[in-house]
Structures are given as structure tokens and as C-alpha cells.
Amino acid sequence: MSIDLVIGILTEAFYLVLLILLPILGAGLTVGVVLSIFQAATSIQEMTLTFVPKIMITAIAIIVSLPFITDKMIEFTNKIFNLITTVVK
């Protein structure tokens, strides 16, 4: 197993993690910004106001993107298993 192969696998793994987490983090970030603007406009300085909507939107984003996440993870796992059989030979 060469260093180039390991670097390629790790690069693809980090890219996959970024691709999977981007919609979830984006949804949480968007809700956080909208709630911060709402708090600034209404002068409500309650810190716990942002937690419940962020948690709910994050959970919904995870549920909605779950088929995409599982598809990408299965593809990556199959690629790694096929790579193992090629490297071992």
C-alpha cells in the first residue's frame, strides 16, 4: 500500500464527511442567523431562545438528508472493500 493511495483515501473520506455535514450545518447556521436577526430587531436577549429551533431544524435536516447520507456511505464502503481486495492480491 503506497502513501499516495492512503492520501487519496483520506482525501476522499474528508470530502465525504464535508459533503454529508454541509446540509445539516447549513440549516443550523441559517436558523441561527435568522433567530439572531429576530432577537436583535425585537431586543429579546434570551439565550435559550435559539436552542430549541436549532435542535429541531437540525433533526429535521438529518432526517431529510438520511437517504443521501446512507447512499454516499454505502458507496464509499463498497469502494473501500473493493480496494481492500485489490491491495491484498
C-alpha atoms as a PDB file:
ATOM      1  CA  MET A   1       0.000   0.000   0.000  1.00  0.00           C
ATOM      2  CA  SER A   2       1.550   3.253  -1.089  1.00  0.00           C
ATOM      3  CA  ILE A   3       1.403   6.655   0.529  1.00  0.00           C
ATOM      4  CA  ASP A   4      -0.419   8.062  -2.498  1.00  0.00           C
ATOM      5  CA  LEU A   5      -3.207   5.515  -2.057  1.00  0.00           C
ATOM      6  CA  VAL A   6      -3.594   6.336   1.641  1.00  0.00           C
ATOM      7  CA  ILE A   7      -3.637  10.068   0.927  1.00  0.00           C
ATOM      8  CA  GLY A   8      -6.250   9.529  -1.777  1.00  0.00           C
ATOM      9  CA  ILE A   9      -8.473   7.501   0.559  1.00  0.00           C
ATOM     10  CA  LEU A  10      -8.185  10.056   3.363  1.00  0.00           C
ATOM     11  CA  THR A  11      -8.849  12.936   0.976  1.00  0.00           C
ATOM     12  CA  GLU A  12     -11.972  11.240  -0.290  1.00  0.00           C
ATOM     13  CA  ALA A  13     -13.089  10.436   3.268  1.00  0.00           C
ATOM     14  CA  PHE A  14     -12.692  14.070   4.390  1.00  0.00           C
ATOM     15  CA  TYR A  15     -14.523  15.270   1.287  1.00  0.00           C
ATOM     16  CA  LEU A  16     -17.340  12.814   2.007  1.00  0.00           C
ATOM     17  CA  VAL A  17     -17.641  13.996   5.606  1.00  0.00           C
ATOM     18  CA  LEU A  18     -17.807  17.601   4.415  1.00  0.00           C
ATOM     19  CA  LEU A  19     -20.406  16.714   1.796  1.00  0.00           C
ATOM     20  CA  ILE A  20     -22.546  14.873   4.341  1.00  0.00           C
ATOM     21  CA  LEU A  21     -22.370  17.531   7.051  1.00  0.00           C
ATOM     22  CA  LEU A  22     -22.790  20.576   4.825  1.00  0.00           C
ATOM     23  CA  PRO A  23     -26.627  20.490   4.537  1.00  0.00           C
ATOM     24  CA  ILE A  24     -27.052  19.838   8.262  1.00  0.00           C
ATOM     25  CA  LEU A  25     -24.665  22.587   9.332  1.00  0.00           C
ATOM     26  CA  GLY A  26     -26.102  24.940   6.718  1.00  0.00           C
ATOM     27  CA  ALA A  27     -29.615  24.501   8.057  1.00  0.00           C
ATOM     28  CA  GLY A  28     -28.461  25.130  11.632  1.00  0.00           C
ATOM     29  CA  LEU A  29     -26.451  28.176  10.571  1.00  0.00           C
ATOM     30  CA  THR A  30     -29.363  29.646   8.623  1.00  0.00           C
ATOM     31  CA  VAL A  31     -31.771  29.229  11.529  1.00  0.00           C
ATOM     32  CA  GLY A  32     -29.210  30.704  13.922  1.00  0.00           C
ATOM     33  CA  VAL A  33     -28.698  33.795  11.771  1.00  0.00           C
ATOM     34  CA  VAL A  34     -32.434  34.325  11.286  1.00  0.00           C
ATOM     35  CA  LEU A  35     -33.081  33.991  15.012  1.00  0.00           C
ATOM     36  CA  SER A  36     -30.194  36.329  15.834  1.00  0.00           C
ATOM     37  CA  ILE A  37     -31.603  38.962  13.491  1.00  0.00           C
ATOM     38  CA  PHE A  38     -35.034  38.470  15.076  1.00  0.00           C
ATOM     39  CA  GLN A  39     -33.549  38.860  18.559  1.00  0.00           C
ATOM     40  CA  ALA A  40     -31.666  41.990  17.542  1.00  0.00           C
ATOM     41  CA  ALA A  41     -34.750  43.511  15.928  1.00  0.00           C
ATOM     42  CA  THR A  42     -37.018  42.826  18.894  1.00  0.00           C
ATOM     43  CA  SER A  43     -34.412  43.403  21.631  1.00  0.00           C
ATOM     44  CA  ILE A  44     -35.108  39.973  23.109  1.00  0.00           C
ATOM     45  CA  GLN A  45     -31.886  38.868  24.799  1.00  0.00           C
ATOM     46  CA  GLU A  46     -32.933  35.392  25.874  1.00  0.00           C
ATOM     47  CA  MET A  47     -30.041  32.977  25.195  1.00  0.00           C
ATOM     48  CA  THR A  48     -32.157  29.820  25.329  1.00  0.00           C
ATOM     49  CA  LEU A  49     -34.495  31.048  22.573  1.00  0.00           C
ATOM     50  CA  THR A  50     -32.174  29.808  19.834  1.00  0.00           C
ATOM     51  CA  PHE A  51     -31.549  26.293  21.141  1.00  0.00           C
ATOM     52  CA  VAL A  52     -34.929  24.632  20.539  1.00  0.00           C
ATOM     53  CA  PRO A  53     -35.428  25.815  16.936  1.00  0.00           C
ATOM     54  CA  LYS A  54     -31.815  24.942  16.056  1.00  0.00           C
ATOM     55  CA  ILE A  55     -32.167  21.447  17.513  1.00  0.00           C
ATOM     56  CA  MET A  56     -35.481  20.892  15.734  1.00  0.00           C
ATOM     57  CA  ILE A  57     -34.195  22.125  12.356  1.00  0.00           C
ATOM     58  CA  THR A  58     -31.012  20.080  12.730  1.00  0.00           C
ATOM     59  CA  ALA A  59     -33.031  16.941  13.493  1.00  0.00           C
ATOM     60  CA  ILE A  60     -35.306  17.597  10.507  1.00  0.00           C
ATOM     61  CA  ALA A  61     -32.285  18.198   8.262  1.00  0.00           C
ATOM     62  CA  ILE A  62     -30.745  14.898   9.398  1.00  0.00           C
ATOM     63  CA  ILE A  63     -33.991  13.013   8.751  1.00  0.00           C
ATOM     64  CA  VAL A  64     -34.464  14.604   5.321  1.00  0.00           C
ATOM     65  CA  SER A  65     -30.872  14.003   4.224  1.00  0.00           C
ATOM     66  CA  LEU A  66     -30.649  10.471   5.654  1.00  0.00           C
ATOM     67  CA  PRO A  67     -31.209   8.693   2.301  1.00  0.00           C
ATOM     68  CA  PHE A  68     -28.464  10.806   0.714  1.00  0.00           C
ATOM     69  CA  ILE A  69     -26.121  10.137   3.636  1.00  0.00           C
ATOM     70  CA  THR A  70     -26.682   6.375   3.587  1.00  0.00           C
ATOM     71  CA  ASP A  71     -26.251   6.231  -0.184  1.00  0.00           C
ATOM     72  CA  LYS A  72     -22.924   8.072  -0.047  1.00  0.00           C
ATOM     73  CA  MET A  73     -21.682   5.992   2.900  1.00  0.00           C
ATOM     74  CA  ILE A  74     -22.608   2.717   1.178  1.00  0.00           C
ATOM     75  CA  GLU A  75     -20.801   3.827  -1.995  1.00  0.00           C
ATOM     76  CA  PHE A  76     -17.683   4.726  -0.023  1.00  0.00           C
ATOM     77  CA  THR A  77     -17.764   1.481   1.968  1.00  0.00           C
ATOM     78  CA  ASN A  78     -18.120  -0.597  -1.202  1.00  0.00           C
ATOM     79  CA  LYS A  79     -15.222   1.289  -2.755  1.00  0.00           C
ATOM     80  CA  ILE A  80     -13.030   0.621   0.299  1.00  0.00           C
ATOM     81  CA  PHE A  81     -13.960  -3.088   0.356  1.00  0.00           C
ATOM     82  CA  ASN A  82     -13.179  -3.409  -3.352  1.00  0.00           C
ATOM     83  CA  LEU A  83      -9.914  -1.585  -2.771  1.00  0.00           C
ATOM     84  CA  ILE A  84      -9.008  -3.985   0.040  1.00  0.00           C
ATOM     85  CA  THR A  85      -9.432  -6.974  -2.237  1.00  0.00           C
ATOM     86  CA  THR A  86      -7.262  -5.318  -4.904  1.00  0.00           C
ATOM     87  CA  VAL A  87      -4.498  -4.302  -2.491  1.00  0.00           C
ATOM     88  CA  VAL A  88      -4.344  -7.700  -0.778  1.00  0.00           C
ATOM     89  CA  LYS A  89      -3.782  -9.566  -4.066  1.00  0.00           C
END
